[in-house]
Amino acid sequence: MRDIKLKSQRNLFQRFNLEMREHMPVAQQALVIACGLIVGLIFSALMLMVSGVSASDLLNEFIISIFTNSRNINAVLSFSAPLIIVGLAASIGFKARFWNIGIEGQVIFGAIGATVIANYDIGPDSTRIVLMALVAALFGMAWMILPLFLRLKLQVSEIISTLLLNYIAFNFLLHMLYGAWKDPVTSFPNSKIYDMSERLHKIATLDVSVSILISIVLVIVVTWILFFSRFGYAMKFVYANPSMAKAVGINFGIMLSVAALASGALAGLTGFTISAGIDSRLTQGFFVGYGFSGILIGFLARNNPLLVVFFSLMMAILMVAGQTLQVFYQIPFAMVQLIQATIVICVAASEFFIHHRIQVVS
């Protein structure tokens, strides 16, 4: 009897064949991703309802309120600016097959570079904010040099080296904040408040810093580089087949180096936009959630800068909704992380149906 049952189950599974898709139109890809997002939202809603949040509260707080309340909209835009930049950082590295998993370390050192300029009043007040941005990009780039050298000269995986450098960057940050950079007024482990000339000011009609404009400009620049420049054309060869790229005369080492250093520079700028545009100082946890969110955004966007904007906004909405859950509904942070992970997993799983189809055998 058991053998008959196993045989019938085997016959049932044999009726389904898994096939690779050659191509799916962009409109259908968007529909599949949207279905994955909806499934993730449904599972998240069910988990919240089990935790005691009513369906009416979910509708009012997380759909109507987020898209109609100006304060929530501004919060989403504020969070999305650094997410867009860090998503671009991940994408441009992944485009050259440089798997920059240690983005957080570059974000930390970018903010440290900006704080060096702010703390020691380097440069005139009128141009100090620009100098902070440039130094932040340089510090993020410099933090990428060692993993790049290890990859090119010793074939050490950048997945390991960039990730391990995160711990060095974080502990150096703690060393500075508990030491020389401790707030002289409160003695808390964060730097002193930046002067007004060292902060990213608000846009006149919005309660959002100009970091959102910086992120838009960077999206335009990266889009042009990847899709309309000769460098971007060569990058397509590098991403598709590094051996073929070398065979047609593309210098793989130079392409990899430029992409990796650009990734580090953008990650450093992310640290600058958080410290100067949101916190107005350097804190010990300013980077939490941004580094790995950038990696997820780059993966979900498939290294497309325009899709980076969409998924960054989605991630920013999740961050704002998570704060509301914690403050007003006493939902623990672990549950918030579970909800965010559920939505991301469902969207990521939709990639399977973009590249595969299930064929029913009659």
Protein backbone atom coordinates (compact mmCIF):
# COMPACT_ATOMS: atom_id res chain seq x y z
CA MET A 1 0.00 0.00 0.00
CA ARG A 2 2.83 2.38 0.90
CA ASP A 3 4.65 1.55 -2.36
CA ILE A 4 1.50 2.35 -4.35
CA LYS A 5 1.16 5.70 -2.56
CA LEU A 6 4.81 6.62 -3.20
CA LYS A 7 4.44 5.62 -6.84
CA SER A 8 1.36 7.80 -7.28
CA GLN A 9 3.17 10.77 -5.70
CA ARG A 10 6.13 10.18 -8.00
CA ASN A 11 3.82 10.09 -11.02
CA LEU A 12 2.22 13.35 -9.86
CA PHE A 13 5.56 15.17 -9.70
CA GLN A 14 6.60 13.72 -13.06
CA ARG A 15 3.69 15.60 -14.63
CA PHE A 16 5.53 18.88 -14.00
CA ASN A 17 8.67 19.85 -15.91
CA LEU A 18 10.88 22.80 -14.92
CA GLU A 19 12.12 24.71 -17.96
CA MET A 20 14.42 27.70 -18.41
CA ARG A 21 12.89 30.76 -20.02
CA GLU A 22 14.83 32.32 -22.86
CA HIS A 23 13.30 35.75 -22.34
CA MET A 24 10.38 37.39 -20.56
CA PRO A 25 9.06 40.80 -21.67
CA VAL A 26 9.76 43.67 -19.29
CA ALA A 27 6.05 44.23 -18.64
CA GLN A 28 5.61 40.60 -17.58
CA GLN A 29 8.70 40.79 -15.38
CA ALA A 30 7.21 43.82 -13.61
CA LEU A 31 3.95 41.90 -13.13
CA VAL A 32 5.75 38.89 -11.62
CA ILE A 33 7.71 41.12 -9.22
CA ALA A 34 4.49 42.93 -8.27
CA CYS A 35 2.84 39.57 -7.51
CA GLY A 36 5.80 38.65 -5.29
CA LEU A 37 5.42 41.97 -3.46
CA ILE A 38 1.69 41.41 -2.95
CA VAL A 39 2.28 37.89 -1.60
CA GLY A 40 4.87 39.26 0.82
CA LEU A 41 2.48 41.98 1.99
CA ILE A 42 -0.29 39.42 2.54
CA PHE A 43 1.95 37.19 4.66
CA SER A 44 3.15 40.23 6.62
CA ALA A 45 -0.42 41.39 7.22
CA LEU A 46 -1.39 37.95 8.50
CA MET A 47 1.58 37.92 10.91
CA LEU A 48 0.64 41.36 12.23
CA MET A 49 -3.01 40.39 12.67
CA VAL A 50 -1.93 37.33 14.66
CA SER A 51 0.21 39.70 16.79
CA GLY A 52 -2.84 41.82 17.64
CA VAL A 53 -2.90 44.55 14.99
CA SER A 54 -6.39 44.77 13.48
CA ALA A 55 -7.06 44.84 9.75
CA SER A 56 -8.51 48.36 9.99
CA ASP A 57 -5.35 49.60 11.74
CA LEU A 58 -3.22 48.05 9.01
CA LEU A 59 -5.26 49.81 6.35
CA ASN A 60 -5.20 53.17 8.11
CA GLU A 61 -1.63 53.20 9.38
CA PHE A 62 0.33 51.48 6.63
CA ILE A 63 -1.56 52.29 3.44
CA ILE A 64 -3.62 55.44 3.90
CA SER A 65 -1.38 57.18 6.44
CA ILE A 66 1.95 56.58 4.70
CA PHE A 67 0.74 57.88 1.34
CA THR A 68 -1.45 60.75 2.57
CA ASN A 69 0.38 62.06 5.64
CA SER A 70 3.00 64.65 4.65
CA ARG A 71 5.19 63.78 7.64
CA ASN A 72 5.32 60.11 6.63
CA ILE A 73 5.99 61.01 3.00
CA ASN A 74 8.89 63.23 4.06
CA ALA A 75 10.24 60.44 6.28
CA VAL A 76 10.09 57.99 3.36
CA LEU A 77 11.98 60.45 1.12
CA SER A 78 14.57 61.09 3.85
CA PHE A 79 15.27 57.37 4.29
CA SER A 80 15.18 56.66 0.56
CA ALA A 81 17.99 59.11 -0.36
CA PRO A 82 20.85 57.16 1.32
CA LEU A 83 19.20 53.89 0.31
CA ILE A 84 19.28 54.94 -3.35
CA ILE A 85 22.96 55.89 -3.14
CA VAL A 86 23.98 52.69 -1.32
CA GLY A 87 21.88 50.66 -3.80
CA LEU A 88 23.83 52.31 -6.64
CA ALA A 89 27.07 51.46 -4.81
CA ALA A 90 26.11 47.79 -4.71
CA SER A 91 24.85 47.75 -8.30
CA ILE A 92 27.94 49.26 -9.91
CA GLY A 93 30.16 46.78 -8.06
CA PHE A 94 27.98 43.80 -8.92
CA LYS A 95 27.93 44.92 -12.56
CA ALA A 96 31.65 44.14 -12.75
CA ARG A 97 31.26 40.91 -10.77
CA PHE A 98 32.87 42.53 -7.72
CA TRP A 99 30.70 41.27 -4.87
CA ASN A 100 31.00 44.16 -2.44
CA ILE A 101 29.34 42.63 0.63
CA GLY A 102 31.20 44.93 3.05
CA ILE A 103 29.41 48.12 2.05
CA GLU A 104 28.82 48.99 5.71
CA GLY A 105 32.54 49.47 6.30
CA GLN A 106 32.76 51.95 3.44
CA VAL A 107 29.65 53.76 4.69
CA ILE A 108 31.26 54.06 8.14
CA PHE A 109 34.53 55.41 6.79
CA GLY A 110 32.73 57.83 4.49
CA ALA A 111 30.98 59.35 7.52
CA ILE A 112 34.28 59.35 9.44
CA GLY A 113 35.91 61.30 6.60
CA ALA A 114 33.09 63.86 6.61
CA THR A 115 33.36 64.19 10.39
CA VAL A 116 37.11 64.83 10.20
CA ILE A 117 36.35 67.92 8.09
CA ALA A 118 33.52 69.00 10.40
CA ASN A 119 35.28 68.43 13.73
CA TYR A 120 38.48 70.22 12.78
CA ASP A 121 36.82 73.02 10.76
CA ILE A 122 38.88 72.33 7.66
CA GLY A 123 38.22 74.74 4.82
CA PRO A 124 36.02 77.84 4.59
CA ASP A 125 32.44 77.64 5.88
CA SER A 126 30.96 78.33 2.44
CA THR A 127 32.51 75.25 0.83
CA ARG A 128 32.93 72.93 3.80
CA ILE A 129 29.86 70.82 3.03
CA VAL A 130 31.23 70.16 -0.48
CA LEU A 131 34.60 69.25 0.99
CA MET A 132 32.90 66.87 3.43
CA ALA A 133 31.20 65.08 0.52
CA LEU A 134 34.45 64.78 -1.45
CA VAL A 135 36.43 63.48 1.51
CA ALA A 136 33.64 61.03 2.37
CA ALA A 137 33.82 59.63 -1.17
CA LEU A 138 37.63 59.42 -0.96
CA PHE A 139 37.51 57.63 2.41
CA GLY A 140 34.97 55.12 1.09
CA MET A 141 37.15 54.58 -1.96
CA ALA A 142 40.27 54.16 0.17
CA TRP A 143 38.54 51.49 2.28
CA MET A 144 38.05 49.55 -0.96
CA ILE A 145 41.73 49.52 -1.98
CA LEU A 146 42.80 46.55 0.17
CA PRO A 147 40.00 44.17 -0.95
CA LEU A 148 40.64 45.21 -4.54
CA PHE A 149 44.37 44.50 -4.21
CA LEU A 150 43.70 41.12 -2.59
CA ARG A 151 41.29 40.18 -5.38
CA LEU A 152 43.54 41.22 -8.26
CA LYS A 153 46.92 40.07 -6.92
CA LEU A 154 46.15 37.17 -4.60
CA GLN A 155 42.72 36.03 -5.85
CA VAL A 156 41.22 36.49 -2.35
CA SER A 157 37.45 36.69 -2.56
CA GLU A 158 36.16 40.19 -1.93
CA ILE A 159 33.12 38.64 -0.24
CA ILE A 160 35.38 37.66 2.65
CA SER A 161 37.74 40.64 2.69
CA THR A 162 35.09 43.37 2.49
CA LEU A 163 32.93 41.64 5.07
CA LEU A 164 35.79 41.26 7.56
CA LEU A 165 36.78 44.90 7.09
CA ASN A 166 33.32 45.84 8.39
CA TYR A 167 34.41 44.81 11.89
CA ILE A 168 37.59 46.87 11.71
CA ALA A 169 35.64 49.92 10.54
CA PHE A 170 33.01 49.54 13.27
CA ASN A 171 35.54 49.12 16.05
CA PHE A 172 37.53 52.11 14.79
CA LEU A 173 34.28 54.11 14.86
CA LEU A 174 33.67 53.06 18.49
CA HIS A 175 37.28 53.92 19.36
CA MET A 176 36.79 57.47 18.08
CA LEU A 177 33.33 58.02 19.57
CA TYR A 178 34.30 56.72 23.01
CA GLY A 179 37.58 58.60 22.83
CA ALA A 180 38.68 61.76 21.03
CA TRP A 181 35.32 62.47 19.37
CA LYS A 182 33.05 61.99 22.38
CA ASP A 183 30.46 64.78 22.62
CA PRO A 184 32.09 67.42 24.86
CA VAL A 185 28.70 68.67 26.08
CA THR A 186 26.82 65.46 26.92
CA SER A 187 29.75 62.98 27.07
CA PHE A 188 27.61 60.60 25.01
CA PRO A 189 29.43 58.34 22.51
CA ASN A 190 28.69 60.46 19.47
CA SER A 191 30.43 63.40 17.86
CA LYS A 192 29.48 66.99 18.51
CA ILE A 193 26.60 68.43 16.51
CA TYR A 194 27.70 69.65 13.10
CA ASP A 195 27.60 73.40 12.52
CA MET A 196 24.88 74.71 10.20
CA SER A 197 27.40 75.06 7.38
CA GLU A 198 28.24 71.37 7.78
CA ARG A 199 24.70 70.03 7.37
CA LEU A 200 22.65 69.28 4.28
CA HIS A 201 19.88 71.88 4.37
CA LYS A 202 16.19 71.20 3.82
CA ILE A 203 14.50 71.75 0.49
CA ALA A 204 12.37 74.89 0.75
CA THR A 205 8.97 73.27 0.17
CA LEU A 206 9.71 69.92 1.83
CA ASP A 207 10.96 68.75 5.20
CA VAL A 208 13.62 66.71 3.36
CA SER A 209 17.31 67.49 2.97
CA VAL A 210 18.93 68.07 -0.41
CA SER A 211 20.32 64.53 -0.15
CA ILE A 212 17.28 63.42 -2.17
CA LEU A 213 18.44 65.72 -5.00
CA ILE A 214 21.97 64.34 -4.71
CA SER A 215 20.61 60.80 -5.04
CA ILE A 216 18.58 61.73 -8.14
CA VAL A 217 21.63 63.30 -9.80
CA LEU A 218 23.68 60.18 -9.02
CA VAL A 219 20.97 57.95 -10.50
CA ILE A 220 21.08 59.97 -13.73
CA VAL A 221 24.89 59.86 -13.86
CA VAL A 222 25.13 56.11 -13.14
CA THR A 223 22.35 55.37 -15.64
CA TRP A 224 24.24 57.26 -18.35
CA ILE A 225 27.51 55.51 -17.49
CA LEU A 226 26.02 52.00 -17.48
CA PHE A 227 23.67 52.30 -20.47
CA PHE A 228 25.02 54.99 -22.79
CA SER A 229 28.80 55.20 -22.33
CA ARG A 230 31.59 53.07 -23.78
CA PHE A 231 32.52 52.07 -20.24
CA GLY A 232 29.01 50.70 -19.67
CA TYR A 233 29.14 48.83 -22.98
CA ALA A 234 32.40 47.18 -21.92
CA MET A 235 30.90 46.39 -18.53
CA LYS A 236 28.23 44.28 -20.24
CA PHE A 237 30.99 42.04 -21.60
CA VAL A 238 32.67 41.83 -18.20
CA TYR A 239 29.41 40.88 -16.49
CA ALA A 240 28.29 38.38 -19.12
CA ASN A 241 31.60 36.58 -19.61
CA PRO A 242 34.93 37.83 -18.15
CA SER A 243 36.92 35.39 -20.31
CA MET A 244 35.26 36.68 -23.47
CA ALA A 245 35.87 40.27 -22.31
CA LYS A 246 39.59 39.53 -22.03
CA ALA A 247 39.56 37.81 -25.42
CA VAL A 248 38.15 40.88 -27.20
CA GLY A 249 40.78 43.13 -25.60
CA ILE A 250 38.98 44.57 -22.60
CA ASN A 251 41.32 45.12 -19.67
CA PHE A 252 39.45 43.21 -16.97
CA GLY A 253 41.66 44.51 -14.14
CA ILE A 254 41.05 48.17 -15.01
CA MET A 255 37.29 47.65 -15.43
CA LEU A 256 37.08 45.82 -12.12
CA SER A 257 39.17 48.48 -10.35
CA VAL A 258 37.09 51.39 -11.65
CA ALA A 259 33.81 49.70 -10.71
CA ALA A 260 35.04 48.68 -7.25
CA LEU A 261 36.44 52.13 -6.43
CA ALA A 262 33.26 53.80 -7.70
CA SER A 263 31.27 51.44 -5.48
CA GLY A 264 33.37 52.45 -2.48
CA ALA A 265 33.03 56.16 -3.30
CA LEU A 266 29.22 55.91 -3.51
CA ALA A 267 29.11 53.98 -0.24
CA GLY A 268 31.22 56.72 1.36
CA LEU A 269 28.77 59.32 0.07
CA THR A 270 26.00 57.31 1.70
CA GLY A 271 27.68 57.76 5.07
CA PHE A 272 27.94 61.50 4.38
CA THR A 273 24.23 61.84 3.51
CA ILE A 274 23.20 60.01 6.69
CA SER A 275 25.48 61.91 9.07
CA ALA A 276 25.08 65.36 7.47
CA GLY A 277 21.51 64.97 6.16
CA ILE A 278 19.68 62.98 8.85
CA ASP A 279 21.62 62.76 12.14
CA SER A 280 23.64 66.02 11.90
CA ARG A 281 26.46 64.21 13.73
CA LEU A 282 28.33 60.93 13.77
CA THR A 283 26.68 58.25 15.94
CA GLN A 284 27.68 54.69 16.71
CA GLY A 285 24.67 53.12 14.99
CA PHE A 286 24.00 55.49 12.08
CA PHE A 287 24.82 52.83 9.46
CA VAL A 288 22.63 50.02 10.82
CA GLY A 289 20.32 48.64 8.16
CA TYR A 290 21.75 50.60 5.26
CA GLY A 291 24.64 48.39 4.18
CA PHE A 292 22.79 45.13 3.79
CA SER A 293 19.70 46.96 2.52
CA GLY A 294 21.89 48.31 -0.27
CA ILE A 295 22.99 44.80 -1.17
CA LEU A 296 19.38 43.64 -1.28
CA ILE A 297 18.35 46.64 -3.36
CA GLY A 298 21.16 46.04 -5.84
CA PHE A 299 20.18 42.36 -6.12
CA LEU A 300 16.45 43.00 -6.49
CA ALA A 301 17.05 45.79 -9.02
CA ARG A 302 19.37 43.52 -11.00
CA ASN A 303 21.93 46.35 -11.13
CA ASN A 304 19.49 48.68 -12.91
CA PRO A 305 19.78 52.24 -11.47
CA LEU A 306 16.15 53.07 -12.27
CA LEU A 307 14.89 49.98 -10.47
CA VAL A 308 17.19 50.90 -7.58
CA VAL A 309 14.97 53.96 -7.03
CA PHE A 310 11.81 51.82 -6.88
CA PHE A 311 13.18 49.25 -4.44
CA SER A 312 14.79 51.97 -2.31
CA LEU A 313 11.40 53.64 -1.91
CA MET A 314 9.88 50.28 -1.02
CA MET A 315 12.60 49.67 1.59
CA ALA A 316 12.12 53.19 2.98
CA ILE A 317 8.37 52.56 3.35
CA LEU A 318 9.15 49.37 5.27
CA MET A 319 11.50 51.30 7.57
CA VAL A 320 8.89 54.00 8.31
CA ALA A 321 6.17 51.39 8.83
CA GLY A 322 8.49 49.44 11.13
CA GLN A 323 9.04 52.51 13.31
CA THR A 324 5.28 53.03 13.55
CA LEU A 325 4.80 49.41 14.57
CA GLN A 326 7.37 49.71 17.35
CA VAL A 327 6.18 53.04 18.73
CA PHE A 328 2.39 52.78 18.55
CA TYR A 329 1.73 49.04 18.62
CA GLN A 330 4.61 47.77 20.77
CA ILE A 331 5.62 45.29 18.09
CA PRO A 332 9.17 44.07 18.90
CA PHE A 333 11.99 44.95 16.57
CA ALA A 334 12.52 41.24 15.80
CA MET A 335 8.98 41.08 14.37
CA VAL A 336 9.66 44.18 12.28
CA GLN A 337 12.79 42.52 10.87
CA LEU A 338 10.80 39.34 10.18
CA ILE A 339 8.19 41.32 8.22
CA GLN A 340 10.84 43.13 6.21
CA ALA A 341 12.63 39.85 5.50
CA THR A 342 9.37 38.17 4.43
CA ILE A 343 8.62 40.86 1.88
CA VAL A 344 12.17 40.86 0.54
CA ILE A 345 12.22 37.05 0.26
CA CYS A 346 8.92 37.01 -1.63
CA VAL A 347 10.12 39.66 -4.06
CA ALA A 348 13.46 37.86 -4.49
CA ALA A 349 11.64 34.56 -5.05
CA SER A 350 9.76 36.12 -7.97
CA GLU A 351 13.11 36.04 -9.81
CA PHE A 352 12.70 32.26 -10.05
CA PHE A 353 9.53 32.63 -12.12
CA ILE A 354 11.17 35.24 -14.35
CA HIS A 355 13.88 32.77 -15.37
CA HIS A 356 11.92 29.50 -15.16
CA ARG A 357 8.53 28.12 -16.16
CA ILE A 358 6.68 25.06 -14.90
CA GLN A 359 5.35 22.98 -17.78
CA VAL A 360 2.49 20.55 -17.15
CA VAL A 361 2.94 17.26 -19.01
CA SER A 362 -0.35 15.71 -20.08
